[in-house]
């Protein structure tokens, strides 16, 4: 079928959390949780959008893939906002695999690779046949690696990844065209976060991410400004900057904004009789 909207759902311990066909149209997953999905063969995944026009993943907790990827998509347009994509103690492969490239916005996500991950790469773009003009805007994400001998990115020749205002915590090879990360991105090999063992990756005392953000530019004609931040499974809260905005997905300091853990219902469709 065409058009799938999943809100406030929990998919766990399946061969695939969701497997969407090439004719899927638009797939939206909002404020949901996917964990421990995959047959264990490496070819099945936590969620696999195998085609379609657009995939939107927002405010969701995706974790512990079994041998496969935490998130895998072949959609033409991918929009991933304010999620937590983490292996933790899982033995999955890529944390984020956008297999055929296309147009992508990856904004405000916490992406973590655990010790047991079977693949050294975390984020891939266009590695299984990239669409012409493939471009990813990768902005205000916190990317955490604890696996030895790891790489943050793997992307196909001719694809473009614009990395802006991200925090890369832990030690890994960047994997972009330039040896050093572009201006506005921050490396934190010592992981000066609040509580790495408890997966609280907000900037801690002395973090180089504090006040480090710069102009993030545009995506699809709109300014790339993070309005929310991930706070707990299925929830986001308004992002509040204390002075200049920090690099990464989470602002340092206190935040009393309420958690938003649900999504507005889909608009009703009035079908007129012929």
C-alpha atoms as a PDB file:
ATOM      1  CA  UNK A   1       0.000   0.000   0.000  1.00  0.00           C
ATOM      2  CA  UNK A   2       0.932   3.670  -0.251  1.00  0.00           C
ATOM      3  CA  UNK A   3       1.228   5.945   2.733  1.00  0.00           C
ATOM      4  CA  UNK A   4       1.987   4.728   6.259  1.00  0.00           C
ATOM      5  CA  UNK A   5       1.876   6.836   9.423  1.00  0.00           C
ATOM      6  CA  UNK A   6       3.030   5.223  12.669  1.00  0.00           C
ATOM      7  CA  UNK A   7       2.539   7.206  15.908  1.00  0.00           C
ATOM      8  CA  UNK A   8       3.328   6.185  19.513  1.00  0.00           C
ATOM      9  CA  UNK A   9       4.068   2.544  18.690  1.00  0.00           C
ATOM     10  CA  UNK A  10       6.616  -0.009  19.914  1.00  0.00           C
ATOM     11  CA  UNK A  11       8.036  -2.610  17.507  1.00  0.00           C
ATOM     12  CA  UNK A  12      10.386  -5.165  19.062  1.00  0.00           C
ATOM     13  CA  UNK A  13      11.859  -8.656  18.513  1.00  0.00           C
ATOM     14  CA  UNK A  14      10.700  -9.046  14.887  1.00  0.00           C
ATOM     15  CA  UNK A  15      12.541 -10.116  11.729  1.00  0.00           C
ATOM     16  CA  UNK A  16      11.975  -6.541  10.532  1.00  0.00           C
ATOM     17  CA  UNK A  17      10.358  -3.862  12.652  1.00  0.00           C
ATOM     18  CA  UNK A  18       8.791  -2.474   9.475  1.00  0.00           C
ATOM     19  CA  UNK A  19       9.644  -3.537   5.928  1.00  0.00           C
ATOM     20  CA  UNK A  20       8.269  -1.036   3.407  1.00  0.00           C
ATOM     21  CA  UNK A  21       8.251  -1.807  -0.309  1.00  0.00           C
ATOM     22  CA  UNK A  22       9.482   0.398  -3.141  1.00  0.00           C
ATOM     23  CA  UNK A  23       5.910   1.541  -3.828  1.00  0.00           C
ATOM     24  CA  UNK A  24       5.376   2.751  -0.255  1.00  0.00           C
ATOM     25  CA  UNK A  25       4.952   6.439  -1.107  1.00  0.00           C
ATOM     26  CA  UNK A  26       5.502   8.344   2.163  1.00  0.00           C
ATOM     27  CA  UNK A  27       6.356   6.561   5.417  1.00  0.00           C
ATOM     28  CA  UNK A  28       6.202   8.546   8.679  1.00  0.00           C
ATOM     29  CA  UNK A  29       7.311   7.187  12.054  1.00  0.00           C
ATOM     30  CA  UNK A  30       6.691   9.610  14.910  1.00  0.00           C
ATOM     31  CA  UNK A  31       7.353   9.303  18.664  1.00  0.00           C
ATOM     32  CA  UNK A  32       7.852   5.549  18.475  1.00  0.00           C
ATOM     33  CA  UNK A  33      10.353   2.903  19.568  1.00  0.00           C
ATOM     34  CA  UNK A  34      12.008   0.096  17.595  1.00  0.00           C
ATOM     35  CA  UNK A  35      14.337  -2.360  19.324  1.00  0.00           C
ATOM     36  CA  UNK A  36      15.830  -5.847  18.986  1.00  0.00           C
ATOM     37  CA  UNK A  37      14.498  -6.293  15.445  1.00  0.00           C
ATOM     38  CA  UNK A  38      16.295  -8.367  12.801  1.00  0.00           C
ATOM     39  CA  UNK A  39      16.548 -12.071  12.024  1.00  0.00           C
ATOM     40  CA  UNK A  40      20.264 -12.034  12.791  1.00  0.00           C
ATOM     41  CA  UNK A  41      21.378 -12.589   9.201  1.00  0.00           C
ATOM     42  CA  UNK A  42      22.556  -9.031   8.541  1.00  0.00           C
ATOM     43  CA  UNK A  43      20.023  -8.610   5.737  1.00  0.00           C
ATOM     44  CA  UNK A  44      17.063  -7.764   7.945  1.00  0.00           C
ATOM     45  CA  UNK A  45      16.912  -4.611   9.988  1.00  0.00           C
ATOM     46  CA  UNK A  46      15.359  -2.698  12.865  1.00  0.00           C
ATOM     47  CA  UNK A  47      13.388  -0.762  10.242  1.00  0.00           C
ATOM     48  CA  UNK A  48      13.844  -1.000   6.479  1.00  0.00           C
ATOM     49  CA  UNK A  49      12.159   1.438   4.116  1.00  0.00           C
ATOM     50  CA  UNK A  50      13.085  -0.252   0.853  1.00  0.00           C
ATOM     51  CA  UNK A  51      11.975   2.570  -1.436  1.00  0.00           C
ATOM     52  CA  UNK A  52       9.256   5.157  -1.787  1.00  0.00           C
ATOM     53  CA  UNK A  53       9.141   8.911  -2.139  1.00  0.00           C
ATOM     54  CA  UNK A  54       9.803  10.064   1.432  1.00  0.00           C
ATOM     55  CA  UNK A  55      10.707   8.683   4.845  1.00  0.00           C
ATOM     56  CA  UNK A  56      10.183  10.847   7.930  1.00  0.00           C
ATOM     57  CA  UNK A  57      11.496   9.668  11.314  1.00  0.00           C
ATOM     58  CA  UNK A  58      10.874  12.047  14.208  1.00  0.00           C
ATOM     59  CA  UNK A  59      11.237  11.954  17.972  1.00  0.00           C
ATOM     60  CA  UNK A  60      11.808   8.209  18.070  1.00  0.00           C
ATOM     61  CA  UNK A  61      14.114   5.751  19.844  1.00  0.00           C
ATOM     62  CA  UNK A  62      15.723   3.207  17.503  1.00  0.00           C
ATOM     63  CA  UNK A  63      18.110   0.769  19.125  1.00  0.00           C
ATOM     64  CA  UNK A  64      19.667  -2.712  19.488  1.00  0.00           C
ATOM     65  CA  UNK A  65      19.425  -3.973  15.913  1.00  0.00           C
ATOM     66  CA  UNK A  66      20.170  -7.695  15.577  1.00  0.00           C
ATOM     67  CA  UNK A  67      23.062  -7.940  13.093  1.00  0.00           C
ATOM     68  CA  UNK A  68      21.340  -5.536  10.684  1.00  0.00           C
ATOM     69  CA  UNK A  69      21.063  -1.740  10.635  1.00  0.00           C
ATOM     70  CA  UNK A  70      19.366   0.436  13.235  1.00  0.00           C
ATOM     71  CA  UNK A  71      17.737   2.419  10.402  1.00  0.00           C
ATOM     72  CA  UNK A  72      17.962   1.587   6.687  1.00  0.00           C
ATOM     73  CA  UNK A  73      16.224   3.549   3.938  1.00  0.00           C
ATOM     74  CA  UNK A  74      16.146   3.675   0.151  1.00  0.00           C
ATOM     75  CA  UNK A  75      13.546   6.461  -0.029  1.00  0.00           C
ATOM     76  CA  UNK A  76      14.238   9.353  -2.391  1.00  0.00           C
ATOM     77  CA  UNK A  77      13.906  11.939   0.409  1.00  0.00           C
ATOM     78  CA  UNK A  78      14.811  11.198   4.034  1.00  0.00           C
ATOM     79  CA  UNK A  79      14.090  13.496   6.968  1.00  0.00           C
ATOM     80  CA  UNK A  80      15.420  12.345  10.355  1.00  0.00           C
ATOM     81  CA  UNK A  81      14.806  14.814  13.180  1.00  0.00           C
ATOM     82  CA  UNK A  82      15.440  14.616  16.929  1.00  0.00           C
ATOM     83  CA  UNK A  83      15.794  10.835  17.257  1.00  0.00           C
ATOM     84  CA  UNK A  84      18.108   8.582  19.203  1.00  0.00           C
ATOM     85  CA  UNK A  85      19.711   5.932  16.992  1.00  0.00           C
ATOM     86  CA  UNK A  86      21.883   3.760  19.199  1.00  0.00           C
ATOM     87  CA  UNK A  87      23.347   0.277  19.333  1.00  0.00           C
ATOM     88  CA  UNK A  88      24.280   0.367  23.031  1.00  0.00           C
ATOM     89  CA  UNK A  89      24.934  -3.346  23.749  1.00  0.00           C
ATOM     90  CA  UNK A  90      23.514  -4.477  20.389  1.00  0.00           C
ATOM     91  CA  UNK A  91      25.494  -6.282  17.699  1.00  0.00           C
ATOM     92  CA  UNK A  92      24.014  -4.497  14.701  1.00  0.00           C
ATOM     93  CA  UNK A  93      25.750  -2.970  11.690  1.00  0.00           C
ATOM     94  CA  UNK A  94      25.261   0.659  10.547  1.00  0.00           C
ATOM     95  CA  UNK A  95      23.400   3.075  12.794  1.00  0.00           C
ATOM     96  CA  UNK A  96      22.033   4.968   9.768  1.00  0.00           C
ATOM     97  CA  UNK A  97      22.135   3.600   6.225  1.00  0.00           C
ATOM     98  CA  UNK A  98      20.661   5.775   3.449  1.00  0.00           C
ATOM     99  CA  UNK A  99      21.486   3.229   0.786  1.00  0.00           C
ATOM    100  CA  UNK A 100      20.652   5.089  -2.439  1.00  0.00           C
ATOM    101  CA  UNK A 101      21.403   8.625  -1.346  1.00  0.00           C
ATOM    102  CA  UNK A 102      18.880  11.155  -2.643  1.00  0.00           C
ATOM    103  CA  UNK A 103      18.068  14.241  -0.588  1.00  0.00           C
ATOM    104  CA  UNK A 104      18.444  13.951   3.179  1.00  0.00           C
ATOM    105  CA  UNK A 105      18.155  16.112   6.264  1.00  0.00           C
ATOM    106  CA  UNK A 106      19.621  14.608   9.438  1.00  0.00           C
ATOM    107  CA  UNK A 107      18.997  17.165  12.187  1.00  0.00           C
ATOM    108  CA  UNK A 108      19.285  17.019  15.966  1.00  0.00           C
ATOM    109  CA  UNK A 109      19.816  13.278  16.364  1.00  0.00           C
ATOM    110  CA  UNK A 110      21.829  11.377  18.960  1.00  0.00           C
ATOM    111  CA  UNK A 111      23.663   8.594  17.087  1.00  0.00           C
ATOM    112  CA  UNK A 112      25.698   6.075  19.083  1.00  0.00           C
ATOM    113  CA  UNK A 113      27.825   3.089  18.132  1.00  0.00           C
ATOM    114  CA  UNK A 114      28.425   0.504  20.843  1.00  0.00           C
ATOM    115  CA  UNK A 115      31.314  -1.815  21.529  1.00  0.00           C
ATOM    116  CA  UNK A 116      29.600  -4.858  19.982  1.00  0.00           C
ATOM    117  CA  UNK A 117      28.761  -3.303  16.604  1.00  0.00           C
ATOM    118  CA  UNK A 118      29.828  -5.591  13.751  1.00  0.00           C
ATOM    119  CA  UNK A 119      30.631  -2.725  11.359  1.00  0.00           C
ATOM    120  CA  UNK A 120      33.220  -0.023  11.840  1.00  0.00           C
ATOM    121  CA  UNK A 121      31.153   2.564   9.924  1.00  0.00           C
ATOM    122  CA  UNK A 122      28.254   4.414  11.551  1.00  0.00           C
ATOM    123  CA  UNK A 123      26.541   6.482   8.825  1.00  0.00           C
ATOM    124  CA  UNK A 124      26.442   5.529   5.146  1.00  0.00           C
ATOM    125  CA  UNK A 125      25.117   7.473   2.173  1.00  0.00           C
ATOM    126  CA  UNK A 126      24.619   6.199  -1.352  1.00  0.00           C
ATOM    127  CA  UNK A 127      26.726   3.063  -1.032  1.00  0.00           C
ATOM    128  CA  UNK A 128      24.233   0.817  -2.870  1.00  0.00           C
ATOM    129  CA  UNK A 129      23.725   2.911  -5.982  1.00  0.00           C
ATOM    130  CA  UNK A 130      23.499   6.653  -5.381  1.00  0.00           C
ATOM    131  CA  UNK A 131      20.886   8.802  -7.090  1.00  0.00           C
ATOM    132  CA  UNK A 132      22.200  11.654  -9.201  1.00  0.00           C
ATOM    133  CA  UNK A 133      22.747  14.826  -7.185  1.00  0.00           C
ATOM    134  CA  UNK A 134      22.605  13.051  -3.824  1.00  0.00           C
ATOM    135  CA  UNK A 135      23.098  15.449  -0.926  1.00  0.00           C
ATOM    136  CA  UNK A 136      22.797  15.112   2.837  1.00  0.00           C
ATOM    137  CA  UNK A 137      22.650  18.031   5.262  1.00  0.00           C
ATOM    138  CA  UNK A 138      23.919  16.614   8.561  1.00  0.00           C
ATOM    139  CA  UNK A 139      23.430  19.270  11.230  1.00  0.00           C
ATOM    140  CA  UNK A 140      23.373  19.588  15.025  1.00  0.00           C
ATOM    141  CA  UNK A 141      23.781  15.872  15.668  1.00  0.00           C
ATOM    142  CA  UNK A 142      25.678  14.270  18.528  1.00  0.00           C
ATOM    143  CA  UNK A 143      27.612  11.273  17.182  1.00  0.00           C
ATOM    144  CA  UNK A 144      29.109   9.008  19.830  1.00  0.00           C
ATOM    145  CA  UNK A 145      31.505   6.125  19.215  1.00  0.00           C
ATOM    146  CA  UNK A 146      32.985   3.718  21.751  1.00  0.00           C
ATOM    147  CA  UNK A 147      33.968   0.969  19.274  1.00  0.00           C
ATOM    148  CA  UNK A 148      37.701   0.610  18.571  1.00  0.00           C
ATOM    149  CA  UNK A 149      38.786   1.298  14.975  1.00  0.00           C
ATOM    150  CA  UNK A 150      35.637   3.102  13.849  1.00  0.00           C
ATOM    151  CA  UNK A 151      34.634   5.546  11.130  1.00  0.00           C
ATOM    152  CA  UNK A 152      31.844   8.097  11.345  1.00  0.00           C
ATOM    153  CA  UNK A 153      30.935   8.295   7.635  1.00  0.00           C
ATOM    154  CA  UNK A 154      31.047   6.147   4.515  1.00  0.00           C
ATOM    155  CA  UNK A 155      29.673   7.713   1.329  1.00  0.00           C
ATOM    156  CA  UNK A 156      29.772   7.007  -2.389  1.00  0.00           C
ATOM    157  CA  UNK A 157      31.838   9.067  -4.852  1.00  0.00           C
ATOM    158  CA  UNK A 158      29.856  12.012  -6.178  1.00  0.00           C
ATOM    159  CA  UNK A 159      27.591  12.290  -3.154  1.00  0.00           C
ATOM    160  CA  UNK A 160      27.739  15.363  -0.922  1.00  0.00           C
ATOM    161  CA  UNK A 161      27.534  15.451   2.871  1.00  0.00           C
ATOM    162  CA  UNK A 162      27.401  18.917   4.415  1.00  0.00           C
ATOM    163  CA  UNK A 163      28.258  18.481   8.096  1.00  0.00           C
ATOM    164  CA  UNK A 164      27.381  21.509  10.212  1.00  0.00           C
ATOM    165  CA  UNK A 165      27.488  22.112  13.976  1.00  0.00           C
ATOM    166  CA  UNK A 166      27.814  18.478  15.009  1.00  0.00           C
ATOM    167  CA  UNK A 167      29.498  17.039  18.090  1.00  0.00           C
ATOM    168  CA  UNK A 168      31.631  13.950  17.430  1.00  0.00           C
ATOM    169  CA  UNK A 169      32.379  12.305  20.784  1.00  0.00           C
ATOM    170  CA  UNK A 170      34.859   9.483  21.149  1.00  0.00           C
ATOM    171  CA  UNK A 171      37.561   8.408  18.728  1.00  0.00           C
ATOM    172  CA  UNK A 172      36.930   7.554  15.073  1.00  0.00           C
ATOM    173  CA  UNK A 173      38.061   8.499  11.574  1.00  0.00           C
ATOM    174  CA  UNK A 174      35.794  11.178  10.109  1.00  0.00           C
ATOM    175  CA  UNK A 175      35.399   9.623   6.651  1.00  0.00           C
ATOM    176  CA  UNK A 176      34.459  12.839   4.819  1.00  0.00           C
ATOM    177  CA  UNK A 177      36.414  14.199   1.863  1.00  0.00           C
ATOM    178  CA  UNK A 178      38.413  16.525   4.092  1.00  0.00           C
ATOM    179  CA  UNK A 179      40.682  15.181   6.784  1.00  0.00           C
ATOM    180  CA  UNK A 180      39.411  17.654   9.372  1.00  0.00           C
ATOM    181  CA  UNK A 181      35.712  18.279  10.033  1.00  0.00           C
ATOM    182  CA  UNK A 182      34.283  21.447   8.473  1.00  0.00           C
ATOM    183  CA  UNK A 183      34.106  24.589  10.608  1.00  0.00           C
ATOM    184  CA  UNK A 184      31.364  24.525  13.233  1.00  0.00           C
ATOM    185  CA  UNK A 185      31.796  20.819  13.941  1.00  0.00           C
ATOM    186  CA  UNK A 186      33.452  19.797  17.187  1.00  0.00           C
ATOM    187  CA  UNK A 187      35.623  16.815  18.073  1.00  0.00           C
ATOM    188  CA  UNK A 188      35.520  15.579  21.658  1.00  0.00           C
ATOM    189  CA  UNK A 189      37.747  12.485  21.894  1.00  0.00           C
ATOM    190  CA  UNK A 190      37.663  12.627  25.700  1.00  0.00           C
ATOM    191  CA  UNK A 191      33.828  12.489  25.696  1.00  0.00           C
ATOM    192  CA  UNK A 192      33.176  15.407  28.031  1.00  0.00           C
ATOM    193  CA  UNK A 193      29.464  14.619  28.261  1.00  0.00           C
ATOM    194  CA  UNK A 194      27.227  14.443  31.321  1.00  0.00           C
ATOM    195  CA  UNK A 195      27.018  10.645  31.687  1.00  0.00           C
ATOM    196  CA  UNK A 196      28.294   8.476  28.836  1.00  0.00           C
ATOM    197  CA  UNK A 197      27.624   5.223  30.708  1.00  0.00           C
ATOM    198  CA  UNK A 198      24.002   6.282  31.226  1.00  0.00           C
ATOM    199  CA  UNK A 199      23.687   7.515  27.606  1.00  0.00           C
ATOM    200  CA  UNK A 200      23.250  11.141  28.647  1.00  0.00           C
ATOM    201  CA  UNK A 201      25.245  12.882  25.934  1.00  0.00           C
ATOM    202  CA  UNK A 202      24.479  16.488  26.851  1.00  0.00           C
ATOM    203  CA  UNK A 203      27.690  18.571  26.903  1.00  0.00           C
ATOM    204  CA  UNK A 204      29.394  18.321  30.286  1.00  0.00           C
ATOM    205  CA  UNK A 205      31.764  20.730  32.034  1.00  0.00           C
ATOM    206  CA  UNK A 206      34.558  21.786  29.711  1.00  0.00           C
ATOM    207  CA  UNK A 207      32.904  20.376  26.599  1.00  0.00           C
ATOM    208  CA  UNK A 208      34.186  21.977  23.383  1.00  0.00           C
ATOM    209  CA  UNK A 209      30.596  21.892  22.069  1.00  0.00           C
ATOM    210  CA  UNK A 210      29.429  24.706  24.349  1.00  0.00           C
ATOM    211  CA  UNK A 211      28.695  27.922  22.391  1.00  0.00           C
ATOM    212  CA  UNK A 212      30.404  26.438  19.326  1.00  0.00           C
ATOM    213  CA  UNK A 213      27.567  26.459  16.751  1.00  0.00           C
ATOM    214  CA  UNK A 214      27.751  28.626  13.651  1.00  0.00           C
ATOM    215  CA  UNK A 215      25.379  29.450  10.810  1.00  0.00           C
ATOM    216  CA  UNK A 216      23.977  26.086   9.668  1.00  0.00           C
ATOM    217  CA  UNK A 217      22.777  27.269   6.271  1.00  0.00           C
ATOM    218  CA  UNK A 218      19.666  25.940   4.527  1.00  0.00           C
ATOM    219  CA  UNK A 219      17.965  22.738   3.437  1.00  0.00           C
ATOM    220  CA  UNK A 220      15.136  22.764   0.913  1.00  0.00           C
ATOM    221  CA  UNK A 221      15.033  26.557   1.036  1.00  0.00           C
ATOM    222  CA  UNK A 222      14.630  26.810   4.831  1.00  0.00           C
ATOM    223  CA  UNK A 223      17.068  27.747   7.571  1.00  0.00           C
ATOM    224  CA  UNK A 224      18.463  24.753   9.441  1.00  0.00           C
ATOM    225  CA  UNK A 225      17.780  25.707  13.051  1.00  0.00           C
ATOM    226  CA  UNK A 226      17.081  22.987  15.658  1.00  0.00           C
ATOM    227  CA  UNK A 227      13.850  23.807  17.470  1.00  0.00           C
ATOM    228  CA  UNK A 228      13.704  20.621  19.554  1.00  0.00           C
ATOM    229  CA  UNK A 229      15.996  18.119  21.243  1.00  0.00           C
ATOM    230  CA  UNK A 230      15.546  14.456  22.105  1.00  0.00           C
ATOM    231  CA  UNK A 231      14.996  13.857  25.829  1.00  0.00           C
ATOM    232  CA  UNK A 232      13.747  10.294  26.424  1.00  0.00           C
ATOM    233  CA  UNK A 233      12.172   7.403  24.483  1.00  0.00           C
ATOM    234  CA  UNK A 234       9.587   8.819  22.115  1.00  0.00           C
ATOM    235  CA  UNK A 235       9.850  12.385  23.421  1.00  0.00           C
ATOM    236  CA  UNK A 236      11.348  15.746  22.513  1.00  0.00           C
ATOM    237  CA  UNK A 237      11.430  19.124  24.222  1.00  0.00           C
ATOM    238  CA  UNK A 238      11.941  22.660  22.999  1.00  0.00           C
ATOM    239  CA  UNK A 239      15.635  23.449  22.654  1.00  0.00           C
ATOM    240  CA  UNK A 240      16.688  26.351  24.862  1.00  0.00           C
ATOM    241  CA  UNK A 241      20.088  27.940  24.280  1.00  0.00           C
ATOM    242  CA  UNK A 242      21.948  29.597  27.146  1.00  0.00           C
ATOM    243  CA  UNK A 243      23.730  32.262  25.168  1.00  0.00           C
ATOM    244  CA  UNK A 244      25.123  31.086  21.858  1.00  0.00           C
ATOM    245  CA  UNK A 245      23.805  27.743  20.621  1.00  0.00           C
ATOM    246  CA  UNK A 246      25.930  24.671  21.289  1.00  0.00           C
ATOM    247  CA  UNK A 247      27.159  22.207  18.701  1.00  0.00           C
ATOM    248  CA  UNK A 248      25.470  18.827  18.789  1.00  0.00           C
ATOM    249  CA  UNK A 249      21.936  17.607  19.434  1.00  0.00           C
ATOM    250  CA  UNK A 250      21.517  18.710  23.058  1.00  0.00           C
ATOM    251  CA  UNK A 251      22.071  22.055  24.750  1.00  0.00           C
ATOM    252  CA  UNK A 252      24.148  22.205  27.906  1.00  0.00           C
ATOM    253  CA  UNK A 253      22.489  23.465  31.074  1.00  0.00           C
ATOM    254  CA  UNK A 254      19.027  23.235  32.573  1.00  0.00           C
ATOM    255  CA  UNK A 255      15.867  23.027  30.494  1.00  0.00           C
ATOM    256  CA  UNK A 256      12.416  23.168  32.052  1.00  0.00           C
ATOM    257  CA  UNK A 257      10.498  22.861  28.779  1.00  0.00           C
ATOM    258  CA  UNK A 258       7.888  20.089  28.943  1.00  0.00           C
ATOM    259  CA  UNK A 259       8.415  16.830  27.093  1.00  0.00           C
ATOM    260  CA  UNK A 260       6.317  16.319  23.960  1.00  0.00           C
ATOM    261  CA  UNK A 261       5.693  12.602  23.557  1.00  0.00           C
ATOM    262  CA  UNK A 262       2.961  12.415  20.952  1.00  0.00           C
ATOM    263  CA  UNK A 263       2.167  13.758  17.519  1.00  0.00           C
ATOM    264  CA  UNK A 264      -0.819  15.596  16.133  1.00  0.00           C
ATOM    265  CA  UNK A 265      -3.330  13.257  14.471  1.00  0.00           C
ATOM    266  CA  UNK A 266      -3.433  13.001  10.722  1.00  0.00           C
ATOM    267  CA  UNK A 267      -5.945  15.402   9.149  1.00  0.00           C
ATOM    268  CA  UNK A 268      -9.357  13.941   8.476  1.00  0.00           C
ATOM    269  CA  UNK A 269     -10.182  13.278   4.847  1.00  0.00           C
ATOM    270  CA  UNK A 270     -13.643  14.269   3.682  1.00  0.00           C
ATOM    271  CA  UNK A 271     -14.524  11.925   0.858  1.00  0.00           C
ATOM    272  CA  UNK A 272     -17.321  13.408  -1.178  1.00  0.00           C
ATOM    273  CA  UNK A 273     -19.778  11.043  -2.726  1.00  0.00           C
ATOM    274  CA  UNK A 274     -19.917  11.041  -6.488  1.00  0.00           C
END
